[in-house]
Amino acid sequence: MNRYTVYGNLAERDTVVLVTTLAAKGLEFELCEETSSLALPLAARTGDDVGPYLRTPEGFVLSGLHGMLDWVEGASPSPALLPDTPIRHTVARLLEDWLELWLPRWPRRSWATLERLGLHIHKAGYLLGQDPCRPDWILAAWLESDVLIHDHARQHLLRKAPRLVSLGEDLLEATAPGRGFGAGLGAGLGAGSADDVIPISLLSILEEVARDYHAYLELNHQAYKDGGDRVLLDLGLGRNPAPVSPVAESRRAEIGWRLSRLDRSIRRDVCQVLEPAGVWHALTLPPVLDEIDPRDPRNL
């Protein structure tokens, strides 16, 4: 069997991201509804009670959106769904985590954020410029499954951020056969590139990521060091408690580990872009959940 099998529900964001990713890469897959009779054996195979799940052509069963997307990217690197130049790759990872783990949890702040995202995408084309990449699929899937299903939300975005309403259709069109999708997404992680830049209009989005999500990441990191189970964070509505998140800490540490493996000069180039926007410091903190790697300079 040379096809993937997705077990999930197309009304849910993660399933939408997974199937559109497979389609964008031109990979054959079958979608199976995750019924109650399938849920138990799938959970037993993966150790995860929450779908969707992905069965690979080799017979492995995977769970967790981030891990499944990385598996597909590694197994089928062309066409690329992630930039592979250092600055753009790091920013794509930051945006993925923010869109997946943070933005949907704070709906009272999301309207203004979505309007800014819509303005940025209107100017730039997609989140990182003219070529769509994986964060665009995560954003579009969240919009389609959780936001645009509400008529008042659709009407609001049609007035204030119409580009977001059409984002899903635009992505499908951009990845249609014969469109040359993926050709402009990078020239090798760890290699310098004159094209390793991000749109100017994205900087205001990164500054917002810094104010809320990266502020949370720093507090989350400290809470794990101190053995705490929550953090207090002020998002403009007063200081409110938020639970600690092992997933957020692991993903933060993963990006930091990737940065630590870059040559010093290239890491400095990434820092010069991220630090002014406020999304650098959290990535430099040593991991607290994973085994310490003696080669990781953050542990020194």
Protein backbone atom coordinates (compact mmCIF):
# COMPACT_ATOMS: atom_id res chain seq x y z
CA MET A 1 0.00 0.00 0.00
CA ASN A 2 1.62 3.25 -1.17
CA ARG A 3 -0.89 5.66 0.25
CA TYR A 4 -1.43 7.39 3.55
CA THR A 5 -4.57 6.93 5.62
CA VAL A 6 -5.94 9.82 7.66
CA TYR A 7 -8.29 8.98 10.52
CA GLY A 8 -10.13 12.12 11.50
CA ASN A 9 -13.00 14.52 11.05
CA LEU A 10 -12.95 17.18 8.33
CA ALA A 11 -14.87 19.51 10.62
CA GLU A 12 -11.75 19.75 12.81
CA ARG A 13 -8.77 21.98 12.13
CA ASP A 14 -5.98 19.42 12.49
CA THR A 15 -7.62 17.00 10.06
CA VAL A 16 -8.06 19.80 7.52
CA VAL A 17 -4.38 20.77 7.86
CA LEU A 18 -3.28 17.18 7.44
CA VAL A 19 -5.32 16.34 4.34
CA THR A 20 -4.55 19.64 2.60
CA THR A 21 -0.85 19.14 3.32
CA LEU A 22 -0.92 15.68 1.75
CA ALA A 23 -2.85 17.05 -1.23
CA ALA A 24 -0.41 19.95 -1.67
CA LYS A 25 2.45 17.45 -1.84
CA GLY A 26 0.61 15.33 -4.39
CA LEU A 27 0.53 12.31 -2.07
CA GLU A 28 -2.19 9.70 -2.30
CA PHE A 29 -4.29 9.30 0.82
CA GLU A 30 -7.57 7.93 2.05
CA LEU A 31 -9.72 9.70 4.63
CA CYS A 32 -11.44 7.47 7.17
CA GLU A 33 -13.83 8.81 9.76
CA GLU A 34 -12.48 8.30 13.26
CA THR A 35 -15.30 6.19 14.69
CA SER A 36 -15.57 5.02 18.29
CA SER A 37 -14.58 1.50 17.21
CA LEU A 38 -11.35 2.86 15.71
CA ALA A 39 -10.57 5.35 18.46
CA LEU A 40 -9.38 2.80 21.03
CA PRO A 41 -6.91 0.86 18.84
CA LEU A 42 -5.58 4.10 17.33
CA ALA A 43 -5.05 5.56 20.79
CA ALA A 44 -3.35 2.34 21.88
CA ARG A 45 -1.00 2.41 18.87
CA THR A 46 0.02 6.03 19.38
CA GLY A 47 -0.38 6.61 23.10
CA ASP A 48 -2.51 9.64 22.26
CA ASP A 49 -6.23 9.84 23.02
CA VAL A 50 -6.83 12.73 20.62
CA GLY A 51 -6.87 12.45 16.83
CA PRO A 52 -6.45 12.87 13.99
CA TYR A 53 -4.12 9.98 13.28
CA LEU A 54 -1.98 9.24 10.25
CA ARG A 55 -1.06 5.79 8.98
CA THR A 56 2.01 5.96 6.77
CA PRO A 57 2.64 3.75 3.72
CA GLU A 58 5.16 1.85 5.88
CA GLY A 59 2.44 1.03 8.41
CA PHE A 60 3.40 3.44 11.20
CA VAL A 61 0.53 5.16 12.98
CA LEU A 62 1.28 8.72 14.08
CA SER A 63 -0.53 11.37 16.10
CA GLY A 64 0.01 15.01 16.98
CA LEU A 65 -0.26 17.55 14.17
CA HIS A 66 3.28 18.88 14.50
CA GLY A 67 4.87 15.43 14.43
CA MET A 68 2.72 14.22 11.54
CA LEU A 69 3.50 17.27 9.42
CA ASP A 70 7.22 16.92 10.09
CA TRP A 71 7.07 13.22 9.19
CA VAL A 72 5.39 14.00 5.86
CA GLU A 73 7.88 16.80 5.16
CA GLY A 74 10.83 14.52 5.90
CA ALA A 75 9.48 11.59 3.90
CA SER A 76 8.44 13.72 0.91
CA PRO A 77 10.55 16.89 0.90
CA SER A 78 9.40 18.03 -2.53
CA PRO A 79 7.50 20.22 -3.01
CA ALA A 80 8.68 21.95 0.15
CA LEU A 81 6.04 23.23 2.56
CA LEU A 82 8.59 24.86 4.86
CA PRO A 83 11.26 27.37 3.86
CA ASP A 84 14.70 25.90 4.35
CA THR A 85 16.76 29.06 4.71
CA PRO A 86 17.53 29.80 8.37
CA ILE A 87 15.62 33.04 8.99
CA ARG A 88 12.51 32.09 7.06
CA HIS A 89 12.51 28.54 8.44
CA THR A 90 12.71 29.80 12.02
CA VAL A 91 9.97 32.38 11.47
CA ALA A 92 7.75 29.72 9.88
CA ARG A 93 8.21 27.51 12.95
CA LEU A 94 7.40 30.43 15.26
CA LEU A 95 4.24 31.24 13.34
CA GLU A 96 3.15 27.59 13.28
CA ASP A 97 3.37 27.32 17.05
CA TRP A 98 1.60 30.63 17.61
CA LEU A 99 -1.22 29.78 15.22
CA GLU A 100 -1.64 26.22 16.46
CA LEU A 101 -1.07 26.52 20.20
CA TRP A 102 -1.95 30.08 21.12
CA LEU A 103 -4.13 32.21 18.86
CA PRO A 104 -7.30 30.05 18.96
CA ARG A 105 -7.20 30.07 22.78
CA TRP A 106 -7.58 33.84 23.09
CA PRO A 107 -10.68 34.76 21.05
CA ARG A 108 -11.19 38.14 22.70
CA ARG A 109 -7.87 39.27 21.27
CA SER A 110 -8.27 37.46 17.97
CA TRP A 111 -10.41 39.96 16.05
CA ALA A 112 -7.82 42.71 15.99
CA THR A 113 -5.10 40.15 15.36
CA LEU A 114 -6.99 38.67 12.42
CA GLU A 115 -7.48 42.12 10.93
CA ARG A 116 -3.72 42.71 11.14
CA LEU A 117 -3.04 39.29 9.65
CA GLY A 118 -5.45 40.04 6.82
CA LEU A 119 -3.74 43.34 6.08
CA HIS A 120 -0.32 41.70 6.11
CA ILE A 121 -1.36 38.87 3.77
CA HIS A 122 -3.05 41.39 1.47
CA LYS A 123 0.30 43.18 1.15
CA ALA A 124 2.65 40.19 1.13
CA GLY A 125 0.65 37.47 -0.63
CA TYR A 126 0.98 34.90 2.16
CA LEU A 127 2.46 34.89 5.65
CA LEU A 128 6.08 34.71 4.46
CA GLY A 129 5.64 36.38 1.10
CA GLN A 130 4.61 35.27 -2.37
CA ASP A 131 5.05 31.54 -1.72
CA PRO A 132 2.59 29.82 0.64
CA CYS A 133 4.05 27.61 3.35
CA ARG A 134 2.87 25.41 6.20
CA PRO A 135 1.74 28.19 8.58
CA ASP A 136 -0.66 29.39 5.88
CA TRP A 137 -2.37 25.99 5.90
CA ILE A 138 -2.70 26.05 9.68
CA LEU A 139 -4.18 29.55 9.59
CA ALA A 140 -6.58 28.68 6.75
CA ALA A 141 -7.71 25.45 8.43
CA TRP A 142 -8.45 27.25 11.71
CA LEU A 143 -10.39 29.93 9.84
CA GLU A 144 -12.43 27.38 7.87
CA SER A 145 -13.17 25.03 10.77
CA ASP A 146 -13.60 27.41 13.72
CA VAL A 147 -14.11 30.99 12.52
CA LEU A 148 -15.79 31.26 9.12
CA ILE A 149 -18.49 28.75 10.06
CA HIS A 150 -20.06 31.60 12.06
CA ASP A 151 -21.91 34.02 9.81
CA HIS A 152 -21.13 37.09 11.92
CA ALA A 153 -17.42 36.22 11.80
CA ARG A 154 -17.47 35.71 8.05
CA GLN A 155 -19.25 39.02 7.51
CA HIS A 156 -16.82 40.83 9.81
CA LEU A 157 -13.80 39.46 7.98
CA LEU A 158 -15.34 40.18 4.58
CA ARG A 159 -15.44 43.83 5.64
CA LYS A 160 -12.18 44.05 7.57
CA ALA A 161 -9.90 41.30 6.22
CA PRO A 162 -11.36 39.79 3.01
CA ARG A 163 -8.07 38.10 2.12
CA LEU A 164 -8.55 35.74 5.06
CA VAL A 165 -11.94 34.64 3.77
CA SER A 166 -10.43 33.54 0.46
CA LEU A 167 -7.19 32.16 1.91
CA GLY A 168 -8.23 28.50 1.76
CA GLU A 169 -9.30 28.70 -1.87
CA ASP A 170 -6.17 30.67 -2.75
CA LEU A 171 -3.98 27.95 -1.23
CA LEU A 172 -5.74 25.23 -3.21
CA GLU A 173 -5.27 27.21 -6.40
CA ALA A 174 -1.60 27.96 -5.63
CA THR A 175 -0.83 24.25 -5.16
CA ALA A 176 -2.73 23.02 -8.20
CA PRO A 177 -0.68 20.85 -10.58
CA GLY A 178 1.43 22.86 -12.99
CA ARG A 179 1.68 25.96 -10.79
CA GLY A 180 5.32 25.31 -9.78
CA PHE A 181 4.47 25.33 -6.09
CA GLY A 182 7.39 24.94 -3.66
CA ALA A 183 10.12 26.09 -6.02
CA GLY A 184 10.81 29.33 -4.15
CA LEU A 185 10.81 28.20 -0.53
CA GLY A 186 14.54 28.08 0.14
CA ALA A 187 18.01 26.91 -0.71
CA GLY A 188 19.18 24.80 2.20
CA LEU A 189 18.88 25.14 5.98
CA GLY A 190 22.18 26.32 7.35
CA ALA A 191 23.24 27.95 4.09
CA GLY A 192 23.29 31.71 3.71
CA SER A 193 21.00 33.17 1.08
CA ALA A 194 20.35 36.63 -0.28
CA ASP A 195 16.69 35.62 -0.42
CA ASP A 196 16.50 34.70 3.27
CA VAL A 197 14.26 37.63 4.16
CA ILE A 198 10.76 38.16 5.51
CA PRO A 199 8.17 40.76 4.51
CA ILE A 200 8.40 44.07 6.37
CA SER A 201 4.70 43.89 7.17
CA LEU A 202 5.28 40.64 9.08
CA LEU A 203 7.31 42.44 11.75
CA SER A 204 4.20 43.84 13.45
CA ILE A 205 2.78 40.30 13.62
CA LEU A 206 6.01 39.01 15.19
CA GLU A 207 5.87 41.85 17.72
CA GLU A 208 2.41 40.67 18.72
CA VAL A 209 3.69 37.10 18.99
CA ALA A 210 6.37 38.45 21.33
CA ARG A 211 3.92 40.39 23.51
CA ASP A 212 1.65 37.46 24.24
CA TYR A 213 2.87 34.01 23.21
CA HIS A 214 6.58 34.50 23.81
CA ALA A 215 5.87 36.26 27.09
CA TYR A 216 3.91 33.14 28.01
CA LEU A 217 6.75 30.87 26.85
CA GLU A 218 9.20 32.57 29.20
CA LEU A 219 6.80 32.28 32.14
CA ASN A 220 5.96 28.70 31.18
CA HIS A 221 9.66 27.83 31.13
CA GLN A 222 10.19 29.38 34.57
CA ALA A 223 7.13 27.61 35.98
CA TYR A 224 8.51 24.24 34.92
CA LYS A 225 11.85 25.08 36.52
CA ASP A 226 10.04 26.03 39.75
CA GLY A 227 7.62 23.10 39.70
CA GLY A 228 4.57 25.34 39.18
CA ASP A 229 1.36 24.38 37.43
CA ARG A 230 0.24 27.77 36.13
CA VAL A 231 1.49 31.20 35.10
CA LEU A 232 0.01 34.67 35.54
CA LEU A 233 -0.04 36.66 32.33
CA ASP A 234 -1.43 40.11 31.52
CA LEU A 235 -2.82 40.27 27.98
CA GLY A 236 -4.40 43.67 28.45
CA LEU A 237 -7.29 42.33 30.50
CA GLY A 238 -5.46 42.16 33.82
CA ARG A 239 -3.32 39.35 35.17
CA ASN A 240 -5.01 36.02 34.56
CA PRO A 241 -3.87 32.46 35.24
CA ALA A 242 -2.95 30.16 32.38
CA PRO A 243 -1.97 26.50 32.74
CA VAL A 244 1.56 25.40 32.01
CA SER A 245 1.97 23.61 28.69
CA PRO A 246 4.51 20.84 28.12
CA VAL A 247 3.82 21.00 24.39
CA ALA A 248 4.64 24.71 24.23
CA GLU A 249 7.85 24.17 26.20
CA SER A 250 8.93 21.25 24.01
CA ARG A 251 8.23 23.15 20.81
CA ARG A 252 10.10 26.21 22.10
CA ALA A 253 13.06 24.03 23.00
CA GLU A 254 12.96 22.32 19.61
CA ILE A 255 13.28 25.62 17.74
CA GLY A 256 16.08 26.65 20.08
CA TRP A 257 17.88 23.37 19.45
CA ARG A 258 17.67 23.89 15.69
CA LEU A 259 19.13 27.36 16.12
CA SER A 260 21.93 26.04 18.32
CA ARG A 261 23.05 23.73 15.49
CA LEU A 262 23.58 26.60 13.05
CA ASP A 263 26.97 28.14 12.44
CA ARG A 264 27.58 31.09 14.73
CA SER A 265 27.52 33.65 11.92
CA ILE A 266 24.22 32.33 10.58
CA ARG A 267 22.72 32.22 14.06
CA ARG A 268 23.75 35.86 14.46
CA ASP A 269 21.90 36.72 11.23
CA VAL A 270 18.74 35.06 12.57
CA CYS A 271 19.13 36.90 15.87
CA GLN A 272 19.42 40.26 14.11
CA VAL A 273 15.97 39.71 12.59
CA LEU A 274 14.19 38.12 15.55
CA GLU A 275 15.61 40.03 18.51
CA PRO A 276 14.28 43.50 17.55
CA ALA A 277 10.80 41.97 17.18
CA GLY A 278 11.08 40.38 20.64
CA VAL A 279 10.90 36.74 19.53
CA TRP A 280 14.49 35.73 20.23
CA HIS A 281 15.06 35.58 23.99
CA ALA A 282 12.58 32.78 24.73
CA LEU A 283 14.36 30.59 22.18
CA THR A 284 17.70 30.95 23.95
CA LEU A 285 16.49 29.48 27.25
CA PRO A 286 17.79 25.97 27.98
CA PRO A 287 15.31 23.08 27.83
CA VAL A 288 13.73 21.98 31.08
CA LEU A 289 11.70 18.95 29.96
CA ASP A 290 14.18 17.21 27.66
CA GLU A 291 17.47 15.55 28.43
CA ILE A 292 20.32 18.04 28.34
CA ASP A 293 22.43 17.87 25.19
CA PRO A 294 26.06 18.73 26.08
CA ARG A 295 26.52 20.06 22.52
CA ASP A 296 23.74 22.63 22.99
CA PRO A 297 25.34 25.98 23.93
CA ARG A 298 22.13 27.07 25.70
CA ASN A 299 23.04 24.66 28.51
CA LEU A 300 26.33 26.40 29.26
